[in-house]
């Protein structure tokens, strides 16, 4: 999946509903736990 995103073969906006930097991984889990996000993309 990541390769398809980096190669711009698919739009991650249609797959992920929240994008956060890797440093905010805890917030990503919190958002999913609280149902504010379904899938989170963590970026380097």
PDB file of N, CA and C in Angstrom:
ATOM      1  N   UNK A   1       0.827  -1.195   0.000  1.00  0.00           N
ATOM      2  CA  UNK A   1       0.000   0.000   0.000  1.00  0.00           C
ATOM      3  C   UNK A   1       0.871   1.259   0.000  1.00  0.00           C
ATOM      4  N   UNK A   2       1.886   1.263   0.834  1.00  0.00           N
ATOM      5  CA  UNK A   2       2.754   2.444   0.914  1.00  0.00           C
ATOM      6  C   UNK A   2       3.406   2.729  -0.430  1.00  0.00           C
ATOM      7  N   UNK A   3       3.867   1.694  -1.115  1.00  0.00           N
ATOM      8  CA  UNK A   3       4.500   1.883  -2.425  1.00  0.00           C
ATOM      9  C   UNK A   3       3.519   2.554  -3.391  1.00  0.00           C
ATOM     10  N   UNK A   4       2.270   2.134  -3.392  1.00  0.00           N
ATOM     11  CA  UNK A   4       1.266   2.727  -4.283  1.00  0.00           C
ATOM     12  C   UNK A   4       1.032   4.195  -3.947  1.00  0.00           C
ATOM     13  N   UNK A   5       1.066   4.516  -2.664  1.00  0.00           N
ATOM     14  CA  UNK A   5       0.890   5.913  -2.250  1.00  0.00           C
ATOM     15  C   UNK A   5       2.086   6.746  -2.684  1.00  0.00           C
ATOM     16  N   UNK A   6       3.308   6.265  -2.389  1.00  0.00           N
ATOM     17  CA  UNK A   6       4.517   7.025  -2.742  1.00  0.00           C
ATOM     18  C   UNK A   6       4.650   7.175  -4.252  1.00  0.00           C
ATOM     19  N   UNK A   7       4.212   6.176  -5.000  1.00  0.00           N
ATOM     20  CA  UNK A   7       4.259   6.247  -6.463  1.00  0.00           C
ATOM     21  C   UNK A   7       3.077   7.016  -7.044  1.00  0.00           C
ATOM     22  N   UNK A   8       2.237   7.542  -6.184  1.00  0.00           N
ATOM     23  CA  UNK A   8       1.059   8.327  -6.567  1.00  0.00           C
ATOM     24  C   UNK A   8       0.087   7.556  -7.459  1.00  0.00           C
ATOM     25  N   UNK A   9       0.046   6.244  -7.246  1.00  0.00           N
ATOM     26  CA  UNK A   9      -0.892   5.420  -7.996  1.00  0.00           C
ATOM     27  C   UNK A   9      -2.272   5.428  -7.347  1.00  0.00           C
ATOM     28  N   UNK A  10      -2.314   5.697  -6.053  1.00  0.00           N
ATOM     29  CA  UNK A  10      -3.594   5.879  -5.377  1.00  0.00           C
ATOM     30  C   UNK A  10      -3.515   7.122  -4.508  1.00  0.00           C
ATOM     31  N   UNK A  11      -4.659   7.722  -4.251  1.00  0.00           N
ATOM     32  CA  UNK A  11      -4.756   8.930  -3.439  1.00  0.00           C
ATOM     33  C   UNK A  11      -4.966   8.519  -1.982  1.00  0.00           C
ATOM     34  N   UNK A  12      -4.005   8.802  -1.086  1.00  0.00           N
ATOM     35  CA  UNK A  12      -4.151   8.368   0.298  1.00  0.00           C
ATOM     36  C   UNK A  12      -5.326   9.030   1.005  1.00  0.00           C
ATOM     37  N   UNK A  13      -5.774  10.161   0.488  1.00  0.00           N
ATOM     38  CA  UNK A  13      -6.941  10.811   1.073  1.00  0.00           C
ATOM     39  C   UNK A  13      -8.168   9.927   1.011  1.00  0.00           C
ATOM     40  N   UNK A  14      -8.192   9.019   0.077  1.00  0.00           N
ATOM     41  CA  UNK A  14      -9.320   8.104  -0.038  1.00  0.00           C
ATOM     42  C   UNK A  14      -9.140   6.887   0.864  1.00  0.00           C
ATOM     43  N   UNK A  15      -7.940   6.692   1.366  1.00  0.00           N
ATOM     44  CA  UNK A  15      -7.657   5.535   2.221  1.00  0.00           C
ATOM     45  C   UNK A  15      -7.547   5.967   3.683  1.00  0.00           C
ATOM     46  N   UNK A  16      -6.815   7.036   3.937  1.00  0.00           N
ATOM     47  CA  UNK A  16      -6.571   7.510   5.296  1.00  0.00           C
ATOM     48  C   UNK A  16      -7.404   8.755   5.564  1.00  0.00           C
ATOM     49  N   UNK A  17      -7.938   8.872   6.761  1.00  0.00           N
ATOM     50  CA  UNK A  17      -8.706  10.072   7.073  1.00  0.00           C
ATOM     51  C   UNK A  17      -7.970  11.014   8.026  1.00  0.00           C
ATOM     52  N   UNK A  18      -6.736  10.654   8.386  1.00  0.00           N
ATOM     53  CA  UNK A  18      -5.912  11.526   9.219  1.00  0.00           C
ATOM     54  C   UNK A  18      -4.448  11.246   8.914  1.00  0.00           C
ATOM     55  N   UNK A  19      -3.666  12.303   8.757  1.00  0.00           N
ATOM     56  CA  UNK A  19      -2.229  12.166   8.520  1.00  0.00           C
ATOM     57  C   UNK A  19      -1.496  12.922   9.620  1.00  0.00           C
ATOM     58  N   UNK A  20      -0.567  12.232  10.265  1.00  0.00           N
ATOM     59  CA  UNK A  20       0.212  12.830  11.345  1.00  0.00           C
ATOM     60  C   UNK A  20       1.672  12.427  11.196  1.00  0.00           C
ATOM     61  N   UNK A  21       2.593  13.240  11.749  1.00  0.00           N
ATOM     62  CA  UNK A  21       3.999  12.827  11.750  1.00  0.00           C
ATOM     63  C   UNK A  21       4.192  11.660  12.714  1.00  0.00           C
ATOM     64  N   UNK A  22       5.197  10.861  12.462  1.00  0.00           N
ATOM     65  CA  UNK A  22       5.486   9.682  13.276  1.00  0.00           C
ATOM     66  C   UNK A  22       5.599  10.021  14.764  1.00  0.00           C
ATOM     67  N   UNK A  23       6.097  11.208  15.062  1.00  0.00           N
ATOM     68  CA  UNK A  23       6.259  11.623  16.457  1.00  0.00           C
ATOM     69  C   UNK A  23       4.921  11.703  17.184  1.00  0.00           C
ATOM     70  N   UNK A  24       3.821  11.780  16.438  1.00  0.00           N
ATOM     71  CA  UNK A  24       2.495  11.880  17.049  1.00  0.00           C
ATOM     72  C   UNK A  24       1.730  10.554  16.961  1.00  0.00           C
ATOM     73  N   UNK A  25       2.462   9.454  16.965  1.00  0.00           N
ATOM     74  CA  UNK A  25       1.827   8.132  16.875  1.00  0.00           C
ATOM     75  C   UNK A  25       0.841   7.907  18.020  1.00  0.00           C
ATOM     76  N   UNK A  26       1.173   8.373  19.200  1.00  0.00           N
ATOM     77  CA  UNK A  26       0.262   8.203  20.338  1.00  0.00           C
ATOM     78  C   UNK A  26      -1.060   8.918  20.076  1.00  0.00           C
ATOM     79  N   UNK A  27      -1.002  10.099  19.498  1.00  0.00           N
ATOM     80  CA  UNK A  27      -2.222  10.838  19.150  1.00  0.00           C
ATOM     81  C   UNK A  27      -3.014  10.094  18.085  1.00  0.00           C
ATOM     82  N   UNK A  28      -2.319   9.462  17.153  1.00  0.00           N
ATOM     83  CA  UNK A  28      -2.998   8.686  16.115  1.00  0.00           C
ATOM     84  C   UNK A  28      -3.802   7.553  16.739  1.00  0.00           C
ATOM     85  N   UNK A  29      -3.194   6.826  17.668  1.00  0.00           N
ATOM     86  CA  UNK A  29      -3.910   5.744  18.350  1.00  0.00           C
ATOM     87  C   UNK A  29      -5.084   6.289  19.157  1.00  0.00           C
ATOM     88  N   UNK A  30      -4.880   7.429  19.800  1.00  0.00           N
ATOM     89  CA  UNK A  30      -5.946   8.053  20.581  1.00  0.00           C
ATOM     90  C   UNK A  30      -7.118   8.432  19.681  1.00  0.00           C
ATOM     91  N   UNK A  31      -6.813   9.020  18.515  1.00  0.00           N
ATOM     92  CA  UNK A  31      -7.867   9.419  17.574  1.00  0.00           C
ATOM     93  C   UNK A  31      -8.661   8.206  17.094  1.00  0.00           C
ATOM     94  N   UNK A  32      -7.974   7.106  16.832  1.00  0.00           N
ATOM     95  CA  UNK A  32      -8.685   5.895  16.398  1.00  0.00           C
ATOM     96  C   UNK A  32      -9.507   5.312  17.546  1.00  0.00           C
ATOM     97  N   UNK A  33      -8.955   5.320  18.750  1.00  0.00           N
ATOM     98  CA  UNK A  33      -9.673   4.800  19.913  1.00  0.00           C
ATOM     99  C   UNK A  33     -10.938   5.606  20.188  1.00  0.00           C
ATOM    100  N   UNK A  34     -10.863   6.924  19.984  1.00  0.00           N
ATOM    101  CA  UNK A  34     -12.005   7.811  20.227  1.00  0.00           C
ATOM    102  C   UNK A  34     -12.906   7.931  19.005  1.00  0.00           C
ATOM    103  N   UNK A  35     -12.618   7.167  17.975  1.00  0.00           N
ATOM    104  CA  UNK A  35     -13.410   7.132  16.737  1.00  0.00           C
ATOM    105  C   UNK A  35     -13.416   8.470  15.989  1.00  0.00           C
ATOM    106  N   UNK A  36     -12.341   9.262  16.179  1.00  0.00           N
ATOM    107  CA  UNK A  36     -12.181  10.493  15.406  1.00  0.00           C
ATOM    108  C   UNK A  36     -11.491  10.205  14.090  1.00  0.00           C
ATOM    109  N   UNK A  37     -10.888   9.017  13.982  1.00  0.00           N
ATOM    110  CA  UNK A  37     -10.201   8.589  12.767  1.00  0.00           C
ATOM    111  C   UNK A  37     -10.367   7.083  12.632  1.00  0.00           C
ATOM    112  N   UNK A  38     -10.403   6.637  11.382  1.00  0.00           N
ATOM    113  CA  UNK A  38     -10.494   5.206  11.119  1.00  0.00           C
ATOM    114  C   UNK A  38      -9.124   4.658  10.740  1.00  0.00           C
ATOM    115  N   UNK A  39      -8.462   5.348   9.800  1.00  0.00           N
ATOM    116  CA  UNK A  39      -7.113   4.949   9.384  1.00  0.00           C
ATOM    117  C   UNK A  39      -6.220   6.179   9.401  1.00  0.00           C
ATOM    118  N   UNK A  40      -5.066   6.030  10.011  1.00  0.00           N
ATOM    119  CA  UNK A  40      -4.127   7.138  10.146  1.00  0.00           C
ATOM    120  C   UNK A  40      -2.853   6.814   9.380  1.00  0.00           C
ATOM    121  N   UNK A  41      -2.391   7.782   8.607  1.00  0.00           N
ATOM    122  CA  UNK A  41      -1.111   7.664   7.909  1.00  0.00           C
ATOM    123  C   UNK A  41      -0.067   8.405   8.734  1.00  0.00           C
ATOM    124  N   UNK A  42       0.952   7.682   9.199  1.00  0.00           N
ATOM    125  CA  UNK A  42       2.062   8.296   9.927  1.00  0.00           C
ATOM    126  C   UNK A  42       3.197   8.541   8.943  1.00  0.00           C
ATOM    127  N   UNK A  43       3.657   9.783   8.885  1.00  0.00           N
ATOM    128  CA  UNK A  43       4.709  10.154   7.943  1.00  0.00           C
ATOM    129  C   UNK A  43       6.039  10.315   8.677  1.00  0.00           C
ATOM    130  N   UNK A  44       7.151  10.035   7.981  1.00  0.00           N
ATOM    131  CA  UNK A  44       8.468  10.151   8.621  1.00  0.00           C
ATOM    132  C   UNK A  44       8.824  11.589   8.961  1.00  0.00           C
TER     133      UNK A  44
END
